[in-house]
Amino acid sequence: MMLLDSVNNYKVPSEKEIRQHFAEMVKTVKNTDGISNVSNTIDMDDFIFTLSCDFNNVEALNTVVSNFSSKEEAKRIKNHKHFSFDANNQLFTRSYHYDLAKEIKKTKMEDREVFKTASITTIYRFPKSIASSKNEAANISKSKKAIMLKVSAQDIINQKKSIKNQIKLHN
């Protein structure tokens, strides 16, 4: 695809443009209050982009997400947090408020092809061990301090699976 000028009438960015855009994203995350230890990798062979960071509190993480959202979506994030943490109950919650199926219907049929092989992978690491997870598709690590969830875009679109989760930590 990188050898083409365009796909479905969309300009294909050069590798340099992709790297510059990702570098700008990384810079935005690094400049967010409450975020530290930002690291990233780019795999241009498989188009895998990894961005990881530590955060002081979930509000910093919500700010990162809202920084990459439209103004309308940023308002929604403020009203319905993507991430929350109940310290009393040691409960970390990942919410999801998008109707992806509705948004996909707005795109051209040929543009939907990309979602057939796309997926989202989230990994959360905690200083305490994980007691449980509500999302059955999530896998808790052997150390019990990390949890990974990989969901195909098609499963999210068809509402077969979700990236929502409630992760209970040990006290």
N, C-alpha and C. Protein backbone atom coordinates (compact mmCIF):
# COMPACT_ATOMS: atom_id res chain seq x y z
N MET A 1 0.82 -1.19 0.00
CA MET A 1 0.00 0.00 0.00
C MET A 1 0.87 1.26 0.00
N MET A 2 2.00 1.18 0.69
CA MET A 2 2.88 2.35 0.78
C MET A 2 3.45 2.74 -0.58
N LEU A 3 3.42 1.83 -1.53
CA LEU A 3 3.95 2.12 -2.87
C LEU A 3 2.94 2.87 -3.74
N LEU A 4 1.70 2.93 -3.27
CA LEU A 4 0.64 3.60 -4.03
C LEU A 4 0.56 5.08 -3.67
N ASP A 5 0.07 5.87 -4.62
CA ASP A 5 -0.16 7.29 -4.34
C ASP A 5 -1.44 7.49 -3.54
N SER A 6 -2.45 6.65 -3.85
CA SER A 6 -3.72 6.77 -3.15
C SER A 6 -4.43 5.41 -3.11
N VAL A 7 -5.34 5.29 -2.17
CA VAL A 7 -6.19 4.11 -2.03
C VAL A 7 -7.60 4.62 -1.81
N ASN A 8 -8.53 4.18 -2.65
CA ASN A 8 -9.93 4.64 -2.56
C ASN A 8 -10.03 6.16 -2.53
N ASN A 9 -9.20 6.81 -3.30
CA ASN A 9 -9.15 8.27 -3.42
C ASN A 9 -8.62 8.97 -2.17
N TYR A 10 -7.96 8.24 -1.29
CA TYR A 10 -7.30 8.83 -0.13
C TYR A 10 -5.80 8.79 -0.39
N LYS A 11 -5.13 9.93 -0.16
CA LYS A 11 -3.69 9.99 -0.36
C LYS A 11 -3.02 9.08 0.66
N VAL A 12 -2.10 8.28 0.19
CA VAL A 12 -1.32 7.42 1.09
C VAL A 12 -0.14 8.25 1.59
N PRO A 13 -0.04 8.41 2.91
CA PRO A 13 1.09 9.20 3.42
C PRO A 13 2.39 8.44 3.26
N SER A 14 3.46 9.18 3.17
CA SER A 14 4.79 8.56 3.09
C SER A 14 5.17 8.05 4.47
N GLU A 15 6.18 7.20 4.51
CA GLU A 15 6.66 6.71 5.80
C GLU A 15 7.12 7.88 6.66
N LYS A 16 7.77 8.87 6.05
CA LYS A 16 8.22 10.04 6.79
C LYS A 16 7.04 10.79 7.41
N GLU A 17 5.96 10.95 6.64
CA GLU A 17 4.77 11.64 7.16
C GLU A 17 4.13 10.86 8.31
N ILE A 18 4.09 9.55 8.18
CA ILE A 18 3.54 8.71 9.24
C ILE A 18 4.37 8.85 10.51
N ARG A 19 5.67 8.76 10.35
CA ARG A 19 6.56 8.89 11.51
C ARG A 19 6.44 10.27 12.16
N GLN A 20 6.31 11.33 11.34
CA GLN A 20 6.16 12.69 11.88
C GLN A 20 4.85 12.82 12.65
N HIS A 21 3.78 12.29 12.10
CA HIS A 21 2.48 12.38 12.78
C HIS A 21 2.52 11.61 14.10
N PHE A 22 3.10 10.42 14.08
CA PHE A 22 3.19 9.64 15.31
C PHE A 22 4.07 10.36 16.33
N ALA A 23 5.16 10.98 15.88
CA ALA A 23 6.03 11.74 16.78
C ALA A 23 5.27 12.90 17.43
N GLU A 24 4.38 13.54 16.66
CA GLU A 24 3.55 14.62 17.22
C GLU A 24 2.60 14.07 18.28
N MET A 25 2.04 12.88 18.03
CA MET A 25 1.17 12.25 19.02
C MET A 25 1.94 11.96 20.31
N VAL A 26 3.13 11.40 20.15
CA VAL A 26 3.97 11.07 21.31
C VAL A 26 4.29 12.34 22.09
N LYS A 27 4.62 13.41 21.38
CA LYS A 27 4.94 14.69 22.03
C LYS A 27 3.74 15.20 22.83
N THR A 28 2.55 15.10 22.25
CA THR A 28 1.34 15.54 22.95
C THR A 28 1.15 14.75 24.24
N VAL A 29 1.36 13.44 24.17
CA VAL A 29 1.22 12.61 25.36
C VAL A 29 2.27 13.00 26.40
N LYS A 30 3.52 13.18 25.97
CA LYS A 30 4.60 13.55 26.89
C LYS A 30 4.32 14.88 27.57
N ASN A 31 3.63 15.80 26.88
CA ASN A 31 3.36 17.12 27.44
C ASN A 31 2.08 17.18 28.27
N THR A 32 1.47 16.05 28.52
CA THR A 32 0.24 16.01 29.31
C THR A 32 0.61 15.89 30.79
N ASP A 33 0.06 16.79 31.62
CA ASP A 33 0.30 16.73 33.06
C ASP A 33 -0.13 15.38 33.61
N GLY A 34 0.69 14.81 34.46
CA GLY A 34 0.38 13.55 35.11
C GLY A 34 0.82 12.32 34.32
N ILE A 35 1.44 12.53 33.16
CA ILE A 35 1.91 11.43 32.32
C ILE A 35 3.44 11.39 32.38
N SER A 36 4.00 10.19 32.50
CA SER A 36 5.47 10.05 32.53
C SER A 36 5.87 8.75 31.84
N ASN A 37 7.16 8.56 31.71
CA ASN A 37 7.73 7.33 31.13
C ASN A 37 7.07 6.95 29.80
N VAL A 38 6.94 7.92 28.93
CA VAL A 38 6.32 7.68 27.63
C VAL A 38 7.34 6.99 26.73
N SER A 39 6.92 5.90 26.12
CA SER A 39 7.78 5.21 25.16
C SER A 39 6.92 4.79 23.97
N ASN A 40 7.58 4.57 22.85
CA ASN A 40 6.84 4.20 21.65
C ASN A 40 7.71 3.38 20.72
N THR A 41 7.04 2.60 19.88
CA THR A 41 7.71 1.85 18.83
C THR A 41 6.87 1.93 17.57
N ILE A 42 7.55 1.80 16.45
CA ILE A 42 6.87 1.80 15.16
C ILE A 42 7.37 0.60 14.38
N ASP A 43 6.45 -0.22 13.92
CA ASP A 43 6.77 -1.36 13.06
C ASP A 43 6.10 -1.08 11.72
N MET A 44 6.87 -0.56 10.77
CA MET A 44 6.30 -0.19 9.46
C MET A 44 6.06 -1.41 8.57
N ASP A 45 6.61 -2.57 8.93
CA ASP A 45 6.35 -3.78 8.14
C ASP A 45 4.92 -4.28 8.37
N ASP A 46 4.51 -4.28 9.64
CA ASP A 46 3.17 -4.77 9.99
C ASP A 46 2.22 -3.65 10.40
N PHE A 47 2.69 -2.40 10.33
CA PHE A 47 1.91 -1.22 10.71
C PHE A 47 1.36 -1.34 12.14
N ILE A 48 2.27 -1.64 13.04
CA ILE A 48 1.92 -1.71 14.46
C ILE A 48 2.61 -0.54 15.14
N PHE A 49 1.81 0.27 15.79
CA PHE A 49 2.29 1.45 16.50
C PHE A 49 1.98 1.26 17.98
N THR A 50 3.01 1.37 18.80
CA THR A 50 2.84 1.16 20.23
C THR A 50 3.21 2.44 20.96
N LEU A 51 2.35 2.82 21.87
CA LEU A 51 2.58 3.99 22.71
C LEU A 51 2.22 3.58 24.13
N SER A 52 3.17 3.70 25.02
CA SER A 52 2.89 3.35 26.41
C SER A 52 3.34 4.48 27.31
N CYS A 53 2.73 4.53 28.49
CA CYS A 53 3.06 5.59 29.45
C CYS A 53 2.61 5.17 30.84
N ASP A 54 3.14 5.86 31.81
CA ASP A 54 2.66 5.76 33.19
C ASP A 54 1.82 6.99 33.43
N PHE A 55 0.90 6.89 34.37
CA PHE A 55 0.06 8.04 34.68
C PHE A 55 -0.17 8.11 36.18
N ASN A 56 -0.25 9.36 36.68
CA ASN A 56 -0.44 9.59 38.12
C ASN A 56 -1.85 9.26 38.57
N ASN A 57 -2.82 9.51 37.67
CA ASN A 57 -4.21 9.23 37.98
C ASN A 57 -4.98 9.06 36.67
N VAL A 58 -6.17 8.52 36.76
CA VAL A 58 -6.93 8.24 35.54
C VAL A 58 -7.38 9.51 34.84
N GLU A 59 -7.45 10.61 35.54
CA GLU A 59 -7.81 11.87 34.87
C GLU A 59 -6.76 12.24 33.84
N ALA A 60 -5.50 11.98 34.13
CA ALA A 60 -4.43 12.25 33.16
C ALA A 60 -4.62 11.37 31.93
N LEU A 61 -5.02 10.13 32.15
CA LEU A 61 -5.26 9.22 31.03
C LEU A 61 -6.47 9.68 30.21
N ASN A 62 -7.52 10.13 30.86
CA ASN A 62 -8.68 10.67 30.15
C ASN A 62 -8.30 11.92 29.36
N THR A 63 -7.41 12.73 29.89
CA THR A 63 -6.94 13.92 29.18
C THR A 63 -6.21 13.52 27.90
N VAL A 64 -5.37 12.50 27.98
CA VAL A 64 -4.66 12.02 26.80
C VAL A 64 -5.66 11.63 25.72
N VAL A 65 -6.66 10.86 26.09
CA VAL A 65 -7.66 10.41 25.12
C VAL A 65 -8.41 11.61 24.53
N SER A 66 -8.80 12.55 25.36
CA SER A 66 -9.55 13.70 24.86
C SER A 66 -8.69 14.60 23.97
N ASN A 67 -7.36 14.60 24.17
CA ASN A 67 -6.47 15.39 23.32
C ASN A 67 -6.52 14.94 21.87
N PHE A 68 -6.88 13.69 21.63
CA PHE A 68 -6.92 13.16 20.28
C PHE A 68 -8.35 12.99 19.77
N SER A 69 -9.27 13.66 20.40
CA SER A 69 -10.68 13.54 20.05
C SER A 69 -11.21 14.85 19.47
N SER A 70 -12.31 14.74 18.76
CA SER A 70 -12.98 15.94 18.28
C SER A 70 -13.51 16.71 19.49
N LYS A 71 -13.87 17.97 19.29
CA LYS A 71 -14.40 18.77 20.39
C LYS A 71 -15.66 18.12 20.98
N GLU A 72 -16.50 17.60 20.10
CA GLU A 72 -17.72 16.93 20.55
C GLU A 72 -17.39 15.70 21.38
N GLU A 73 -16.45 14.91 20.90
CA GLU A 73 -16.05 13.70 21.61
C GLU A 73 -15.35 14.04 22.91
N ALA A 74 -14.55 15.10 22.94
CA ALA A 74 -13.87 15.52 24.16
C ALA A 74 -14.89 15.87 25.25
N LYS A 75 -15.99 16.50 24.87
CA LYS A 75 -17.07 16.80 25.83
C LYS A 75 -17.66 15.51 26.38
N ARG A 76 -17.87 14.54 25.48
CA ARG A 76 -18.42 13.26 25.89
C ARG A 76 -17.47 12.55 26.86
N ILE A 77 -16.18 12.68 26.62
CA ILE A 77 -15.19 12.06 27.51
C ILE A 77 -15.26 12.69 28.89
N LYS A 78 -15.45 14.02 28.94
CA LYS A 78 -15.56 14.68 30.24
C LYS A 78 -16.81 14.21 30.99
N ASN A 79 -17.91 13.98 30.26
CA ASN A 79 -19.15 13.54 30.89
C ASN A 79 -19.16 12.05 31.22
N HIS A 80 -18.56 11.26 30.34
CA HIS A 80 -18.53 9.80 30.50
C HIS A 80 -17.08 9.36 30.39
N LYS A 81 -16.41 9.30 31.50
CA LYS A 81 -14.98 9.00 31.51
C LYS A 81 -14.68 7.67 30.83
N HIS A 82 -13.61 7.66 30.04
CA HIS A 82 -13.14 6.40 29.46
C HIS A 82 -12.56 5.52 30.55
N PHE A 83 -11.86 6.17 31.49
CA PHE A 83 -11.20 5.46 32.56
C PHE A 83 -11.63 6.04 33.90
N SER A 84 -11.83 5.18 34.87
CA SER A 84 -12.10 5.64 36.23
C SER A 84 -11.48 4.65 37.20
N PHE A 85 -11.23 5.14 38.42
CA PHE A 85 -10.67 4.27 39.44
C PHE A 85 -11.35 4.58 40.76
N ASP A 86 -11.94 3.57 41.36
CA ASP A 86 -12.57 3.67 42.67
C ASP A 86 -11.56 3.13 43.67
N ALA A 87 -10.87 4.04 44.37
CA ALA A 87 -9.80 3.64 45.29
C ALA A 87 -10.34 2.82 46.46
N ASN A 88 -11.54 3.14 46.93
CA ASN A 88 -12.11 2.40 48.07
C ASN A 88 -12.32 0.93 47.74
N ASN A 89 -12.78 0.67 46.53
CA ASN A 89 -13.06 -0.71 46.12
C ASN A 89 -11.96 -1.31 45.23
N GLN A 90 -10.90 -0.50 44.97
CA GLN A 90 -9.79 -0.96 44.13
C GLN A 90 -10.30 -1.46 42.77
N LEU A 91 -11.16 -0.64 42.14
CA LEU A 91 -11.79 -1.03 40.89
C LEU A 91 -11.43 -0.05 39.78
N PHE A 92 -10.70 -0.55 38.77
CA PHE A 92 -10.33 0.22 37.59
C PHE A 92 -11.35 -0.11 36.50
N THR A 93 -11.95 0.92 35.91
CA THR A 93 -12.98 0.71 34.90
C THR A 93 -12.58 1.35 33.58
N ARG A 94 -12.69 0.57 32.52
CA ARG A 94 -12.51 1.07 31.16
C ARG A 94 -13.88 1.07 30.52
N SER A 95 -14.39 2.25 30.21
CA SER A 95 -15.70 2.39 29.58
C SER A 95 -15.54 2.52 28.08
N TYR A 96 -16.64 2.46 27.39
CA TYR A 96 -16.63 2.61 25.93
C TYR A 96 -17.97 3.19 25.52
N HIS A 97 -17.95 4.38 24.92
CA HIS A 97 -19.18 5.11 24.64
C HIS A 97 -19.44 5.38 23.16
N TYR A 98 -18.79 4.65 22.29
CA TYR A 98 -18.95 4.89 20.87
C TYR A 98 -19.95 3.91 20.27
N ASP A 99 -20.65 4.37 19.25
CA ASP A 99 -21.47 3.46 18.44
C ASP A 99 -20.72 3.31 17.13
N LEU A 100 -19.75 2.42 17.15
CA LEU A 100 -18.88 2.23 15.99
C LEU A 100 -19.65 1.75 14.77
N ALA A 101 -20.65 0.90 14.99
CA ALA A 101 -21.45 0.41 13.86
C ALA A 101 -22.13 1.57 13.14
N LYS A 102 -22.63 2.52 13.89
CA LYS A 102 -23.29 3.70 13.31
C LYS A 102 -22.30 4.54 12.51
N GLU A 103 -21.10 4.71 13.06
CA GLU A 103 -20.07 5.50 12.39
C GLU A 103 -19.59 4.81 11.12
N ILE A 104 -19.44 3.50 11.16
CA ILE A 104 -18.97 2.74 10.00
C ILE A 104 -19.97 2.84 8.86
N LYS A 105 -21.24 2.86 9.17
CA LYS A 105 -22.28 2.96 8.13
C LYS A 105 -22.17 4.26 7.34
N LYS A 106 -21.51 5.26 7.90
CA LYS A 106 -21.33 6.54 7.22
C LYS A 106 -20.20 6.49 6.19
N THR A 107 -19.40 5.44 6.22
CA THR A 107 -18.26 5.34 5.31
C THR A 107 -18.64 4.55 4.06
N LYS A 108 -17.84 4.76 3.02
CA LYS A 108 -18.05 4.03 1.78
C LYS A 108 -17.72 2.56 1.99
N MET A 109 -18.41 1.70 1.24
CA MET A 109 -18.23 0.27 1.37
C MET A 109 -16.76 -0.14 1.20
N GLU A 110 -16.08 0.43 0.21
CA GLU A 110 -14.68 0.04 -0.03
C GLU A 110 -13.77 0.49 1.11
N ASP A 111 -14.16 1.52 1.86
CA ASP A 111 -13.37 1.99 2.98
C ASP A 111 -13.52 1.08 4.20
N ARG A 112 -14.56 0.30 4.22
CA ARG A 112 -14.82 -0.59 5.36
C ARG A 112 -13.92 -1.82 5.36
N GLU A 113 -13.27 -2.08 4.25
CA GLU A 113 -12.41 -3.26 4.11
C GLU A 113 -11.31 -3.30 5.17
N VAL A 114 -10.78 -2.14 5.52
CA VAL A 114 -9.69 -2.07 6.49
C VAL A 114 -10.08 -2.68 7.84
N PHE A 115 -11.36 -2.64 8.16
CA PHE A 115 -11.81 -3.13 9.46
C PHE A 115 -11.90 -4.65 9.52
N LYS A 116 -11.79 -5.31 8.39
CA LYS A 116 -11.86 -6.78 8.38
C LYS A 116 -10.67 -7.42 9.07
N THR A 117 -9.53 -6.76 9.02
CA THR A 117 -8.33 -7.33 9.64
C THR A 117 -7.80 -6.50 10.81
N ALA A 118 -8.43 -5.38 11.10
CA ALA A 118 -7.97 -4.50 12.17
C ALA A 118 -8.36 -5.05 13.54
N SER A 119 -7.56 -4.71 14.53
CA SER A 119 -7.88 -5.10 15.91
C SER A 119 -7.33 -4.04 16.85
N ILE A 120 -7.81 -4.08 18.07
CA ILE A 120 -7.28 -3.20 19.12
C ILE A 120 -6.78 -4.10 20.24
N THR A 121 -5.59 -3.78 20.73
CA THR A 121 -5.01 -4.52 21.84
C THR A 121 -4.70 -3.52 22.94
N THR A 122 -5.19 -3.81 24.14
CA THR A 122 -4.88 -2.96 25.29
C THR A 122 -4.18 -3.82 26.33
N ILE A 123 -3.19 -3.24 26.96
CA ILE A 123 -2.49 -3.90 28.06
C ILE A 123 -2.43 -2.89 29.20
N TYR A 124 -2.92 -3.29 30.35
CA TYR A 124 -2.86 -2.45 31.54
C TYR A 124 -2.00 -3.16 32.56
N ARG A 125 -1.07 -2.42 33.17
CA ARG A 125 -0.21 -2.96 34.21
C ARG A 125 -0.50 -2.22 35.51
N PHE A 126 -0.51 -2.94 36.61
CA PHE A 126 -0.86 -2.38 37.90
C PHE A 126 0.21 -2.69 38.94
N PRO A 127 0.35 -1.81 39.95
CA PRO A 127 1.31 -2.09 41.01
C PRO A 127 0.82 -3.19 41.96
N LYS A 128 -0.50 -3.42 41.98
CA LYS A 128 -1.10 -4.47 42.81
C LYS A 128 -1.56 -5.61 41.92
N SER A 129 -1.76 -6.76 42.50
CA SER A 129 -2.21 -7.90 41.70
C SER A 129 -3.70 -7.77 41.39
N ILE A 130 -4.08 -8.36 40.27
CA ILE A 130 -5.46 -8.32 39.78
C ILE A 130 -6.23 -9.48 40.39
N ALA A 131 -7.38 -9.16 40.97
CA ALA A 131 -8.23 -10.20 41.57
C ALA A 131 -9.18 -10.78 40.52
N SER A 132 -9.72 -9.89 39.66
CA SER A 132 -10.69 -10.36 38.67
C SER A 132 -10.88 -9.34 37.56
N SER A 133 -11.53 -9.81 36.49
CA SER A 133 -11.83 -8.98 35.33
C SER A 133 -13.23 -9.34 34.85
N LYS A 134 -14.03 -8.34 34.53
CA LYS A 134 -15.40 -8.62 34.04
C LYS A 134 -15.44 -8.99 32.57
N ASN A 135 -14.45 -8.57 31.78
CA ASN A 135 -14.46 -8.88 30.35
C ASN A 135 -13.85 -10.27 30.16
N GLU A 136 -14.65 -11.19 29.70
CA GLU A 136 -14.22 -12.58 29.54
C GLU A 136 -13.11 -12.75 28.50
N ALA A 137 -12.98 -11.80 27.58
CA ALA A 137 -11.95 -11.90 26.54
C ALA A 137 -10.58 -11.45 27.04
N ALA A 138 -10.53 -10.82 28.21
CA ALA A 138 -9.27 -10.32 28.76
C ALA A 138 -8.48 -11.46 29.41
N ASN A 139 -7.17 -11.38 29.27
CA ASN A 139 -6.29 -12.39 29.86
C ASN A 139 -5.40 -11.75 30.91
N ILE A 140 -5.47 -12.29 32.12
CA ILE A 140 -4.64 -11.82 33.22
C ILE A 140 -3.31 -12.56 33.14
N SER A 141 -2.22 -11.83 33.30
CA SER A 141 -0.88 -12.42 33.21
C SER A 141 -0.61 -13.36 34.38
N LYS A 142 0.43 -14.17 34.22
CA LYS A 142 0.82 -15.10 35.30
C LYS A 142 1.19 -14.35 36.56
N SER A 143 1.81 -13.18 36.42
CA SER A 143 2.20 -12.39 37.59
C SER A 143 0.99 -11.74 38.27
N LYS A 144 -0.13 -11.72 37.56
CA LYS A 144 -1.39 -11.11 38.01
C LYS A 144 -1.32 -9.59 38.13
N LYS A 145 -0.28 -8.99 37.54
CA LYS A 145 -0.14 -7.53 37.61
C LYS A 145 -0.38 -6.86 36.27
N ALA A 146 -0.76 -7.63 35.26
CA ALA A 146 -1.05 -7.08 33.94
C ALA A 146 -2.23 -7.82 33.35
N ILE A 147 -2.92 -7.12 32.46
CA ILE A 147 -4.07 -7.73 31.79
C ILE A 147 -4.06 -7.27 30.34
N MET A 148 -4.32 -8.19 29.43
CA MET A 148 -4.32 -7.88 28.00
C MET A 148 -5.68 -8.23 27.42
N LEU A 149 -6.13 -7.36 26.53
CA LEU A 149 -7.38 -7.57 25.83
C LEU A 149 -7.16 -7.26 24.36
N LYS A 150 -7.42 -8.25 23.51
CA LYS A 150 -7.32 -8.05 22.06
C LYS A 150 -8.68 -8.36 21.47
N VAL A 151 -9.22 -7.38 20.74
CA VAL A 151 -10.55 -7.51 20.16
C VAL A 151 -10.48 -7.07 18.70
N SER A 152 -11.10 -7.84 17.84
CA SER A 152 -11.12 -7.46 16.42
C SER A 152 -12.08 -6.29 16.22
N ALA A 153 -11.77 -5.45 15.26
CA ALA A 153 -12.65 -4.32 14.94
C ALA A 153 -14.03 -4.83 14.54
N GLN A 154 -14.08 -5.93 13.81
CA GLN A 154 -15.36 -6.50 13.38
C GLN A 154 -16.23 -6.89 14.58
N ASP A 155 -15.62 -7.47 15.62
CA ASP A 155 -16.37 -7.85 16.81
C ASP A 155 -16.90 -6.63 17.54
N ILE A 156 -16.14 -5.55 17.54
CA ILE A 156 -16.60 -4.30 18.17
C ILE A 156 -17.75 -3.71 17.35
N ILE A 157 -17.56 -3.65 16.04
CA ILE A 157 -18.58 -3.10 15.14
C ILE A 157 -19.89 -3.88 15.27
N ASN A 158 -19.78 -5.20 15.29
CA ASN A 158 -20.97 -6.06 15.36
C ASN A 158 -21.45 -6.29 16.79
N GLN A 159 -20.81 -5.60 17.74
CA GLN A 159 -21.17 -5.67 19.16
C GLN A 159 -21.15 -7.09 19.70
N LYS A 160 -20.22 -7.90 19.19
CA LYS A 160 -20.03 -9.25 19.71
C LYS A 160 -19.10 -9.23 20.92
N LYS A 161 -18.15 -8.28 20.92
CA LYS A 161 -17.21 -8.11 22.02
C LYS A 161 -17.03 -6.63 22.27
N SER A 162 -16.44 -6.33 23.41
CA SER A 162 -16.25 -4.93 23.79
C SER A 162 -14.88 -4.74 24.42
N ILE A 163 -14.42 -3.51 24.44
CA ILE A 163 -13.20 -3.19 25.16
C ILE A 163 -13.51 -2.69 26.58
N LYS A 164 -14.79 -2.66 26.93
CA LYS A 164 -15.16 -2.30 28.30
C LYS A 164 -14.62 -3.34 29.24
N ASN A 165 -14.27 -2.90 30.44
CA ASN A 165 -13.79 -3.85 31.45
C ASN A 165 -13.83 -3.22 32.82
N GLN A 166 -14.01 -4.04 33.81
CA GLN A 166 -13.85 -3.65 35.21
C GLN A 166 -12.82 -4.60 35.79
N ILE A 167 -11.75 -4.02 36.27
CA ILE A 167 -10.64 -4.81 36.79
C ILE A 167 -10.54 -4.56 38.29
N LYS A 168 -10.75 -5.61 39.04
CA LYS A 168 -10.70 -5.53 40.51
C LYS A 168 -9.30 -5.89 40.96
N LEU A 169 -8.71 -5.01 41.75
CA LEU A 169 -7.37 -5.25 42.29
C LEU A 169 -7.47 -5.74 43.72
N HIS A 170 -6.45 -6.51 44.15
CA HIS A 170 -6.40 -6.94 45.55
C HIS A 170 -6.04 -5.73 46.42
N ASN A 171 -6.58 -5.69 47.61
CA ASN A 171 -6.28 -4.60 48.55
C ASN A 171 -4.89 -4.67 49.07
